[in-house]
Each structure stands twice: as structure tokens, then as C-alpha cells.
């Protein structure tokens, strides 16, 4: 069981997965900063100056009851941006690579018979030619 686990670790898939998680987390941080610091202020700019942003307060005078719609829109944009990048940078190239591999594995013409099959065919032809 330990040997199987060691083989799994050394196969490379675990390292690839770890690198993908680290890069994905770093990219998500960049996109979050973009949506929080650029997109959300642009959305909040459409509201009046006395309003803290695009949203509403449930209980007047109590800041903790503010429903921030701009933050929700920014989070949705964050998700869409990350999903689009993952699709176009990872999924599409991997699908194309898999299609290429599948085309290479398809035999172009029927397989040639083996030596044993050819010898058996010659034997059968010789047997058929002999008089009985």
C-alpha cells in the first residue's frame, strides 16, 4: 500500500495539481483585486454622493445592515472572469490536444497480417494445390 502511494506521488500528477492550485489561487486574487478596486467603484459611481454605494440599508443608522449589491455584482464578474480564463486557457487547449492524440492513434489502414498468419495462409494454399 505504501509503494502504491509512493508511485502515485512520483507519477507527477500530484505536483501538477499542486502547481495548478497555487497558480489558480494567485490568479483569483488578481481578479478579486480587479473587481473590488476597479469594477465595484465604477458600479458605486452611479449612485448619489450621499449613498455609500449601490445597495440599501435595512435598518437606518446601522451600518451592519447595509446590503451591498455592488459587491455581489463584482463577485459575479469575478466568477465569470475566472471561469472564462480557465475555459480558454486550460480546457480548450487540453481538448485540442486530446483530439490530436485520438487522431494519431486511429490506424490509417488495416493492420498488415503477422508472420504467423502469412505462414498459415501459405500452408493452406499449398495444401489446397496438392493432389489427393
C-alpha atoms as a PDB file:
ATOM      1  CA  UNK A   1       0.000   0.000   0.000  1.00  0.00           C
ATOM      2  CA  UNK A   2       2.874   2.393   0.806  1.00  0.00           C
ATOM      3  CA  UNK A   3       4.524   1.547  -2.522  1.00  0.00           C
ATOM      4  CA  UNK A   4       1.333   2.429  -4.399  1.00  0.00           C
ATOM      5  CA  UNK A   5       1.143   5.764  -2.589  1.00  0.00           C
ATOM      6  CA  UNK A   6       4.802   6.467  -3.388  1.00  0.00           C
ATOM      7  CA  UNK A   7       4.188   5.648  -7.074  1.00  0.00           C
ATOM      8  CA  UNK A   8       1.182   7.970  -7.053  1.00  0.00           C
ATOM      9  CA  UNK A   9       3.242  10.824  -5.600  1.00  0.00           C
ATOM     10  CA  UNK A  10       6.120  10.310  -8.007  1.00  0.00           C
ATOM     11  CA  UNK A  11       3.901   9.972 -11.079  1.00  0.00           C
ATOM     12  CA  UNK A  12       3.766  13.758 -11.412  1.00  0.00           C
ATOM     13  CA  UNK A  13       0.013  14.282 -11.244  1.00  0.00           C
ATOM     14  CA  UNK A  14       0.205  15.474  -7.647  1.00  0.00           C
ATOM     15  CA  UNK A  15       2.861  18.042  -8.479  1.00  0.00           C
ATOM     16  CA  UNK A  16       0.869  19.269 -11.496  1.00  0.00           C
ATOM     17  CA  UNK A  17      -2.232  19.562  -9.339  1.00  0.00           C
ATOM     18  CA  UNK A  18      -0.368  21.493  -6.630  1.00  0.00           C
ATOM     19  CA  UNK A  19       1.043  23.923  -9.185  1.00  0.00           C
ATOM     20  CA  UNK A  20      -2.424  24.405 -10.703  1.00  0.00           C
ATOM     21  CA  UNK A  21      -3.951  25.151  -7.286  1.00  0.00           C
ATOM     22  CA  UNK A  22      -1.248  27.705  -6.420  1.00  0.00           C
ATOM     23  CA  UNK A  23      -1.496  29.445  -9.798  1.00  0.00           C
ATOM     24  CA  UNK A  24      -5.312  29.382  -9.638  1.00  0.00           C
ATOM     25  CA  UNK A  25      -5.314  30.940  -6.171  1.00  0.00           C
ATOM     26  CA  UNK A  26      -2.882  33.654  -7.272  1.00  0.00           C
ATOM     27  CA  UNK A  27      -4.949  34.392 -10.367  1.00  0.00           C
ATOM     28  CA  UNK A  28      -8.166  34.510  -8.326  1.00  0.00           C
ATOM     29  CA  UNK A  29      -6.508  37.063  -6.030  1.00  0.00           C
ATOM     30  CA  UNK A  30      -5.602  39.237  -9.012  1.00  0.00           C
ATOM     31  CA  UNK A  31      -9.124  39.054 -10.426  1.00  0.00           C
ATOM     32  CA  UNK A  32     -10.629  39.778  -6.995  1.00  0.00           C
ATOM     33  CA  UNK A  33      -8.452  42.866  -6.643  1.00  0.00           C
ATOM     34  CA  UNK A  34      -9.522  43.983 -10.133  1.00  0.00           C
ATOM     35  CA  UNK A  35     -13.224  43.595  -9.404  1.00  0.00           C
ATOM     36  CA  UNK A  36     -13.006  45.027  -5.864  1.00  0.00           C
ATOM     37  CA  UNK A  37     -10.794  48.022  -6.645  1.00  0.00           C
ATOM     38  CA  UNK A  38     -11.847  48.915 -10.203  1.00  0.00           C
ATOM     39  CA  UNK A  39     -15.236  47.394 -11.117  1.00  0.00           C
ATOM     40  CA  UNK A  40     -17.011  47.911  -7.780  1.00  0.00           C
ATOM     41  CA  UNK A  41     -16.081  51.641  -7.518  1.00  0.00           C
ATOM     42  CA  UNK A  42     -17.292  52.130 -11.094  1.00  0.00           C
ATOM     43  CA  UNK A  43     -20.612  50.497 -10.173  1.00  0.00           C
ATOM     44  CA  UNK A  44     -20.851  52.599  -6.991  1.00  0.00           C
ATOM     45  CA  UNK A  45     -20.205  55.772  -9.018  1.00  0.00           C
ATOM     46  CA  UNK A  46     -23.719  55.610 -10.491  1.00  0.00           C
ATOM     47  CA  UNK A  47     -25.296  56.223  -7.062  1.00  0.00           C
ATOM     48  CA  UNK A  48     -25.769  59.633  -5.375  1.00  0.00           C
ATOM     49  CA  UNK A  49     -22.863  61.083  -3.377  1.00  0.00           C
ATOM     50  CA  UNK A  50     -24.597  60.624  -0.001  1.00  0.00           C
ATOM     51  CA  UNK A  51     -25.136  56.891  -0.643  1.00  0.00           C
ATOM     52  CA  UNK A  52     -22.192  54.590   0.256  1.00  0.00           C
ATOM     53  CA  UNK A  53     -22.659  52.549  -2.903  1.00  0.00           C
ATOM     54  CA  UNK A  54     -25.086  50.538  -4.963  1.00  0.00           C
ATOM     55  CA  UNK A  55     -27.224  48.995  -2.254  1.00  0.00           C
ATOM     56  CA  UNK A  56     -29.581  49.784   0.569  1.00  0.00           C
ATOM     57  CA  UNK A  57     -29.721  49.822   4.368  1.00  0.00           C
ATOM     58  CA  UNK A  58     -32.291  47.627   6.080  1.00  0.00           C
ATOM     59  CA  UNK A  59     -32.170  49.465   9.453  1.00  0.00           C
ATOM     60  CA  UNK A  60     -31.419  53.181   9.204  1.00  0.00           C
ATOM     61  CA  UNK A  61     -28.298  54.260  11.092  1.00  0.00           C
ATOM     62  CA  UNK A  62     -26.977  50.720  11.471  1.00  0.00           C
ATOM     63  CA  UNK A  63     -24.068  50.118   9.076  1.00  0.00           C
ATOM     64  CA  UNK A  64     -24.071  46.343   9.566  1.00  0.00           C
ATOM     65  CA  UNK A  65     -27.460  46.074   7.857  1.00  0.00           C
ATOM     66  CA  UNK A  66     -26.231  47.565   4.569  1.00  0.00           C
ATOM     67  CA  UNK A  67     -26.899  45.212   1.615  1.00  0.00           C
ATOM     68  CA  UNK A  68     -24.098  45.861  -0.880  1.00  0.00           C
ATOM     69  CA  UNK A  69     -25.389  44.978  -4.348  1.00  0.00           C
ATOM     70  CA  UNK A  70     -22.203  46.291  -5.981  1.00  0.00           C
ATOM     71  CA  UNK A  71     -20.172  43.689  -4.075  1.00  0.00           C
ATOM     72  CA  UNK A  72     -22.498  40.967  -5.336  1.00  0.00           C
ATOM     73  CA  UNK A  73     -22.144  42.185  -8.936  1.00  0.00           C
ATOM     74  CA  UNK A  74     -18.344  42.365  -8.509  1.00  0.00           C
ATOM     75  CA  UNK A  75     -18.261  38.811  -7.132  1.00  0.00           C
ATOM     76  CA  UNK A  76     -20.352  37.553 -10.065  1.00  0.00           C
ATOM     77  CA  UNK A  77     -17.995  39.274 -12.522  1.00  0.00           C
ATOM     78  CA  UNK A  78     -15.069  37.786 -10.624  1.00  0.00           C
ATOM     79  CA  UNK A  79     -16.517  34.301 -11.119  1.00  0.00           C
ATOM     80  CA  UNK A  80     -17.229  34.875 -14.820  1.00  0.00           C
ATOM     81  CA  UNK A  81     -13.704  36.188 -15.476  1.00  0.00           C
ATOM     82  CA  UNK A  82     -12.022  33.282 -13.670  1.00  0.00           C
ATOM     83  CA  UNK A  83     -14.296  30.732 -15.380  1.00  0.00           C
ATOM     84  CA  UNK A  84     -13.610  32.250 -18.813  1.00  0.00           C
ATOM     85  CA  UNK A  85      -9.850  32.207 -18.301  1.00  0.00           C
ATOM     86  CA  UNK A  86      -9.910  28.613 -17.044  1.00  0.00           C
ATOM     87  CA  UNK A  87     -12.004  27.565 -20.035  1.00  0.00           C
ATOM     88  CA  UNK A  88      -9.980  29.349 -22.721  1.00  0.00           C
ATOM     89  CA  UNK A  89      -6.519  28.775 -21.210  1.00  0.00           C
ATOM     90  CA  UNK A  90      -6.907  25.221 -19.853  1.00  0.00           C
ATOM     91  CA  UNK A  91      -9.988  23.405 -21.159  1.00  0.00           C
ATOM     92  CA  UNK A  92      -9.865  24.385 -24.845  1.00  0.00           C
ATOM     93  CA  UNK A  93      -6.133  23.596 -25.330  1.00  0.00           C
ATOM     94  CA  UNK A  94      -6.467  20.275 -23.480  1.00  0.00           C
ATOM     95  CA  UNK A  95      -9.455  19.284 -25.627  1.00  0.00           C
ATOM     96  CA  UNK A  96      -7.495  20.094 -28.801  1.00  0.00           C
ATOM     97  CA  UNK A  97      -4.520  18.105 -27.528  1.00  0.00           C
ATOM     98  CA  UNK A  98      -6.771  15.127 -26.773  1.00  0.00           C
ATOM     99  CA  UNK A  99      -8.313  15.314 -30.257  1.00  0.00           C
ATOM    100  CA  UNK A 100      -4.854  15.308 -31.836  1.00  0.00           C
ATOM    101  CA  UNK A 101      -3.842  12.287 -29.781  1.00  0.00           C
ATOM    102  CA  UNK A 102      -7.027  10.468 -30.779  1.00  0.00           C
ATOM    103  CA  UNK A 103      -6.349  11.157 -34.481  1.00  0.00           C
ATOM    104  CA  UNK A 104      -2.801   9.828 -34.180  1.00  0.00           C
ATOM    105  CA  UNK A 105      -3.993   6.632 -32.512  1.00  0.00           C
ATOM    106  CA  UNK A 106      -6.503   5.790 -35.251  1.00  0.00           C
ATOM    107  CA  UNK A 107      -4.982   3.314 -37.689  1.00  0.00           C
ATOM    108  CA  UNK A 108      -4.689   4.835 -41.166  1.00  0.00           C
ATOM    109  CA  UNK A 109      -5.001   1.495 -42.959  1.00  0.00           C
ATOM    110  CA  UNK A 110      -5.837  -2.034 -41.875  1.00  0.00           C
ATOM    111  CA  UNK A 111      -3.091  -3.756 -39.975  1.00  0.00           C
ATOM    112  CA  UNK A 112      -0.822  -5.985 -42.011  1.00  0.00           C
ATOM    113  CA  UNK A 113      -1.001  -9.676 -41.184  1.00  0.00           C
ATOM    114  CA  UNK A 114       1.625 -11.103 -38.878  1.00  0.00           C
ATOM    115  CA  UNK A 115       4.265 -13.600 -39.934  1.00  0.00           C
ATOM    116  CA  UNK A 116       2.320 -16.438 -38.361  1.00  0.00           C
ATOM    117  CA  UNK A 117      -0.844 -15.509 -40.257  1.00  0.00           C
ATOM    118  CA  UNK A 118       1.087 -15.308 -43.567  1.00  0.00           C
ATOM    119  CA  UNK A 119       2.733 -18.675 -42.969  1.00  0.00           C
ATOM    120  CA  UNK A 120      -0.628 -20.238 -42.123  1.00  0.00           C
ATOM    121  CA  UNK A 121      -2.097 -18.817 -45.341  1.00  0.00           C
ATOM    122  CA  UNK A 122       0.806 -20.192 -47.421  1.00  0.00           C
ATOM    123  CA  UNK A 123       0.386 -23.591 -45.755  1.00  0.00           C
ATOM    124  CA  UNK A 124      -3.314 -23.638 -46.567  1.00  0.00           C
ATOM    125  CA  UNK A 125      -2.674 -22.663 -50.214  1.00  0.00           C
ATOM    126  CA  UNK A 126      -0.030 -25.391 -50.609  1.00  0.00           C
ATOM    127  CA  UNK A 127      -2.361 -27.963 -49.063  1.00  0.00           C
ATOM    128  CA  UNK A 128      -5.120 -26.959 -51.493  1.00  0.00           C
ATOM    129  CA  UNK A 129      -2.748 -27.350 -54.502  1.00  0.00           C
ATOM    130  CA  UNK A 130      -1.613 -30.883 -53.635  1.00  0.00           C
ATOM    131  CA  UNK A 131      -3.475 -33.674 -55.466  1.00  0.00           C
ATOM    132  CA  UNK A 132      -5.403 -36.116 -53.325  1.00  0.00           C
END
